[in-house]
Amino acid sequence: MSNTPKSHTVPTADDTDETRPSHTKASRQRKTASAQAARKTHKARAKPKERSLSQPKQDLVIQMLRRKSGITIKEIVAKVGWQSHSVRGFFSGVVKKKLKLPLTSTVGNDGVRRYHVATIASLKA
């Protein structure tokens, strides 16, 4: 390796289009058109996330919450495979906010918190 700097040609204002690298308008249009086509095909291939895979899990958790005895977060984690923070987020975001179900929790004599959805009849009483 030599210590001499490599000479680079930098176009100046005096350069004409003939001395500049050949980036013609047509080549730019082709590149732009091909990039746009690639984006369109990517968008066409991209499908919205399907909820069908998680919907049965959500339904299962809601069914477990409707039990009279309720259910613990550990039981949901074991049954569904979610992490505990995901279960708590599901309670807050889906059960309470989206579905507007009355989620209650109780701590038993054993110190374990159990969650359940109260039935509409028990709320009226």
C-alpha atoms as a PDB file:
ATOM      1  CA  MET A   1       0.000   0.000   0.000  1.00  0.00           C
ATOM      2  CA  SER A   2       1.300   3.374  -0.872  1.00  0.00           C
ATOM      3  CA  ASN A   3       0.774   6.537   1.064  1.00  0.00           C
ATOM      4  CA  THR A   4      -0.023   8.599  -1.995  1.00  0.00           C
ATOM      5  CA  PRO A   5      -3.610   9.764  -2.192  1.00  0.00           C
ATOM      6  CA  LYS A   6      -5.698   8.376  -4.990  1.00  0.00           C
ATOM      7  CA  SER A   7      -6.956  10.939  -7.403  1.00  0.00           C
ATOM      8  CA  HIS A   8     -10.670  11.198  -7.742  1.00  0.00           C
ATOM      9  CA  THR A   9     -12.349  13.153 -10.428  1.00  0.00           C
ATOM     10  CA  VAL A  10     -14.958  15.455  -9.065  1.00  0.00           C
ATOM     11  CA  PRO A  11     -17.293  17.020 -11.609  1.00  0.00           C
ATOM     12  CA  THR A  12     -17.153  20.780 -11.674  1.00  0.00           C
ATOM     13  CA  ALA A  13     -19.528  23.361 -13.003  1.00  0.00           C
ATOM     14  CA  ASP A  14     -17.483  23.493 -16.224  1.00  0.00           C
ATOM     15  CA  ASP A  15     -18.126  19.809 -16.985  1.00  0.00           C
ATOM     16  CA  THR A  16     -20.698  19.114 -19.603  1.00  0.00           C
ATOM     17  CA  ASP A  17     -23.164  16.247 -19.710  1.00  0.00           C
ATOM     18  CA  GLU A  18     -20.846  14.282 -21.989  1.00  0.00           C
ATOM     19  CA  THR A  19     -18.093  14.079 -19.349  1.00  0.00           C
ATOM     20  CA  ARG A  20     -20.405  13.068 -16.502  1.00  0.00           C
ATOM     21  CA  PRO A  21     -21.280   9.428 -15.919  1.00  0.00           C
ATOM     22  CA  SER A  22     -24.089   8.298 -18.129  1.00  0.00           C
ATOM     23  CA  HIS A  23     -27.213   8.432 -16.015  1.00  0.00           C
ATOM     24  CA  THR A  24     -29.747   9.172 -18.610  1.00  0.00           C
ATOM     25  CA  LYS A  25     -33.309  10.079 -17.934  1.00  0.00           C
ATOM     26  CA  ALA A  26     -34.459   6.802 -19.487  1.00  0.00           C
ATOM     27  CA  SER A  27     -32.252   4.691 -17.211  1.00  0.00           C
ATOM     28  CA  ARG A  28     -33.537   6.551 -14.156  1.00  0.00           C
ATOM     29  CA  GLN A  29     -37.103   5.986 -15.292  1.00  0.00           C
ATOM     30  CA  ARG A  30     -36.442   2.265 -15.760  1.00  0.00           C
ATOM     31  CA  LYS A  31     -34.943   2.024 -12.291  1.00  0.00           C
ATOM     32  CA  THR A  32     -37.837   3.937 -10.794  1.00  0.00           C
ATOM     33  CA  ALA A  33     -40.385   1.870 -12.675  1.00  0.00           C
ATOM     34  CA  SER A  34     -38.783  -1.397 -11.597  1.00  0.00           C
ATOM     35  CA  ALA A  35     -38.621  -0.207  -7.988  1.00  0.00           C
ATOM     36  CA  GLN A  36     -42.287   0.755  -8.094  1.00  0.00           C
ATOM     37  CA  ALA A  37     -43.188  -2.613  -9.611  1.00  0.00           C
ATOM     38  CA  ALA A  38     -41.238  -4.386  -6.878  1.00  0.00           C
ATOM     39  CA  ARG A  39     -43.092  -2.417  -4.192  1.00  0.00           C
ATOM     40  CA  LYS A  40     -46.434  -3.235  -5.809  1.00  0.00           C
ATOM     41  CA  THR A  41     -45.698  -6.965  -5.970  1.00  0.00           C
ATOM     42  CA  HIS A  42     -44.481  -6.897  -2.386  1.00  0.00           C
ATOM     43  CA  LYS A  43     -47.691  -5.196  -1.291  1.00  0.00           C
ATOM     44  CA  ALA A  44     -49.728  -7.674  -3.295  1.00  0.00           C
ATOM     45  CA  ARG A  45     -47.971 -10.578  -1.590  1.00  0.00           C
ATOM     46  CA  ALA A  46     -48.189  -9.083   1.882  1.00  0.00           C
ATOM     47  CA  LYS A  47     -51.377 -10.309   3.475  1.00  0.00           C
ATOM     48  CA  PRO A  48     -52.860  -8.910   6.637  1.00  0.00           C
ATOM     49  CA  LYS A  49     -52.163 -10.896   9.756  1.00  0.00           C
ATOM     50  CA  GLU A  50     -54.679 -13.632  10.173  1.00  0.00           C
ATOM     51  CA  ARG A  51     -56.328 -13.725  13.565  1.00  0.00           C
ATOM     52  CA  SER A  52     -57.566 -17.268  13.054  1.00  0.00           C
ATOM     53  CA  LEU A  53     -54.499 -18.724  14.774  1.00  0.00           C
ATOM     54  CA  SER A  54     -54.816 -16.687  17.970  1.00  0.00           C
ATOM     55  CA  GLN A  55     -58.617 -16.549  18.056  1.00  0.00           C
ATOM     56  CA  PRO A  56     -59.063 -20.086  19.403  1.00  0.00           C
ATOM     57  CA  LYS A  57     -56.548 -19.294  22.163  1.00  0.00           C
ATOM     58  CA  GLN A  58     -58.449 -16.152  23.047  1.00  0.00           C
ATOM     59  CA  ASP A  59     -61.706 -18.075  23.079  1.00  0.00           C
ATOM     60  CA  LEU A  60     -60.132 -20.755  25.273  1.00  0.00           C
ATOM     61  CA  VAL A  61     -58.910 -18.174  27.789  1.00  0.00           C
ATOM     62  CA  ILE A  62     -62.322 -16.502  27.914  1.00  0.00           C
ATOM     63  CA  GLN A  63     -63.978 -19.896  28.459  1.00  0.00           C
ATOM     64  CA  MET A  64     -61.555 -20.576  31.315  1.00  0.00           C
ATOM     65  CA  LEU A  65     -62.338 -17.152  32.797  1.00  0.00           C
ATOM     66  CA  ARG A  66     -66.060 -17.960  32.772  1.00  0.00           C
ATOM     67  CA  ARG A  67     -65.547 -20.863  35.183  1.00  0.00           C
ATOM     68  CA  LYS A  68     -67.104 -20.242  38.559  1.00  0.00           C
ATOM     69  CA  SER A  69     -63.810 -21.017  40.273  1.00  0.00           C
ATOM     70  CA  GLY A  70     -61.871 -18.783  37.885  1.00  0.00           C
ATOM     71  CA  ILE A  71     -58.323 -19.409  36.743  1.00  0.00           C
ATOM     72  CA  THR A  72     -54.798 -18.349  37.622  1.00  0.00           C
ATOM     73  CA  ILE A  73     -52.297 -16.762  35.281  1.00  0.00           C
ATOM     74  CA  LYS A  74     -50.016 -19.791  35.733  1.00  0.00           C
ATOM     75  CA  GLU A  75     -52.792 -22.102  34.520  1.00  0.00           C
ATOM     76  CA  ILE A  76     -53.377 -19.940  31.445  1.00  0.00           C
ATOM     77  CA  VAL A  77     -49.638 -19.854  30.695  1.00  0.00           C
ATOM     78  CA  ALA A  78     -49.472 -23.657  30.930  1.00  0.00           C
ATOM     79  CA  LYS A  79     -52.582 -24.208  28.814  1.00  0.00           C
ATOM     80  CA  VAL A  80     -52.133 -21.585  26.076  1.00  0.00           C
ATOM     81  CA  GLY A  81     -48.378 -21.045  26.020  1.00  0.00           C
ATOM     82  CA  TRP A  82     -48.423 -17.261  26.425  1.00  0.00           C
ATOM     83  CA  GLN A  83     -46.084 -15.454  28.762  1.00  0.00           C
ATOM     84  CA  SER A  84     -47.527 -14.059  31.960  1.00  0.00           C
ATOM     85  CA  HIS A  85     -47.188 -10.425  30.862  1.00  0.00           C
ATOM     86  CA  SER A  86     -49.067 -11.294  27.667  1.00  0.00           C
ATOM     87  CA  VAL A  87     -51.897 -12.787  29.711  1.00  0.00           C
ATOM     88  CA  ARG A  88     -52.148  -9.619  31.810  1.00  0.00           C
ATOM     89  CA  GLY A  89     -52.106  -7.518  28.629  1.00  0.00           C
ATOM     90  CA  PHE A  90     -54.874  -9.705  27.201  1.00  0.00           C
ATOM     91  CA  PHE A  91     -56.918  -9.124  30.338  1.00  0.00           C
ATOM     92  CA  SER A  92     -56.518  -5.371  30.093  1.00  0.00           C
ATOM     93  CA  GLY A  93     -56.694  -4.840  26.341  1.00  0.00           C
ATOM     94  CA  VAL A  94     -59.112  -7.470  25.113  1.00  0.00           C
ATOM     95  CA  VAL A  95     -61.205  -8.637  28.040  1.00  0.00           C
ATOM     96  CA  LYS A  96     -61.738  -5.278  29.754  1.00  0.00           C
ATOM     97  CA  LYS A  97     -61.387  -2.679  26.999  1.00  0.00           C
ATOM     98  CA  LYS A  98     -62.403  -4.390  23.767  1.00  0.00           C
ATOM     99  CA  LEU A  99     -64.985  -6.905  24.984  1.00  0.00           C
ATOM    100  CA  LYS A 100     -65.967  -4.830  28.025  1.00  0.00           C
ATOM    101  CA  LEU A 101     -66.330  -7.948  30.171  1.00  0.00           C
ATOM    102  CA  PRO A 102     -66.383  -7.498  33.957  1.00  0.00           C
ATOM    103  CA  LEU A 103     -63.101  -9.144  34.969  1.00  0.00           C
ATOM    104  CA  THR A 104     -62.667  -9.660  38.686  1.00  0.00           C
ATOM    105  CA  SER A 105     -59.915 -11.216  40.742  1.00  0.00           C
ATOM    106  CA  THR A 106     -59.816 -12.726  44.178  1.00  0.00           C
ATOM    107  CA  VAL A 107     -57.006 -13.949  46.372  1.00  0.00           C
ATOM    108  CA  GLY A 108     -57.737 -17.264  48.035  1.00  0.00           C
ATOM    109  CA  ASN A 109     -56.587 -18.579  51.399  1.00  0.00           C
ATOM    110  CA  ASP A 110     -53.593 -20.094  49.657  1.00  0.00           C
ATOM    111  CA  GLY A 111     -52.479 -16.621  48.467  1.00  0.00           C
ATOM    112  CA  VAL A 112     -53.062 -17.381  44.787  1.00  0.00           C
ATOM    113  CA  ARG A 113     -54.899 -14.783  42.714  1.00  0.00           C
ATOM    114  CA  ARG A 114     -57.707 -16.178  40.578  1.00  0.00           C
ATOM    115  CA  TYR A 115     -59.378 -14.269  37.764  1.00  0.00           C
ATOM    116  CA  HIS A 116     -62.896 -14.768  36.444  1.00  0.00           C
ATOM    117  CA  VAL A 117     -65.498 -13.002  34.362  1.00  0.00           C
ATOM    118  CA  ALA A 118     -68.637 -12.365  36.320  1.00  0.00           C
ATOM    119  CA  THR A 119     -71.858 -13.344  34.657  1.00  0.00           C
ATOM    120  CA  ILE A 120     -74.382 -10.686  33.784  1.00  0.00           C
ATOM    121  CA  ALA A 121     -76.942 -12.174  36.218  1.00  0.00           C
ATOM    122  CA  SER A 122     -74.536 -11.904  39.154  1.00  0.00           C
ATOM    123  CA  LEU A 123     -73.838  -8.258  38.333  1.00  0.00           C
ATOM    124  CA  LYS A 124     -77.535  -7.334  38.474  1.00  0.00           C
ATOM    125  CA  ALA A 125     -78.051  -8.967  41.873  1.00  0.00           C
END
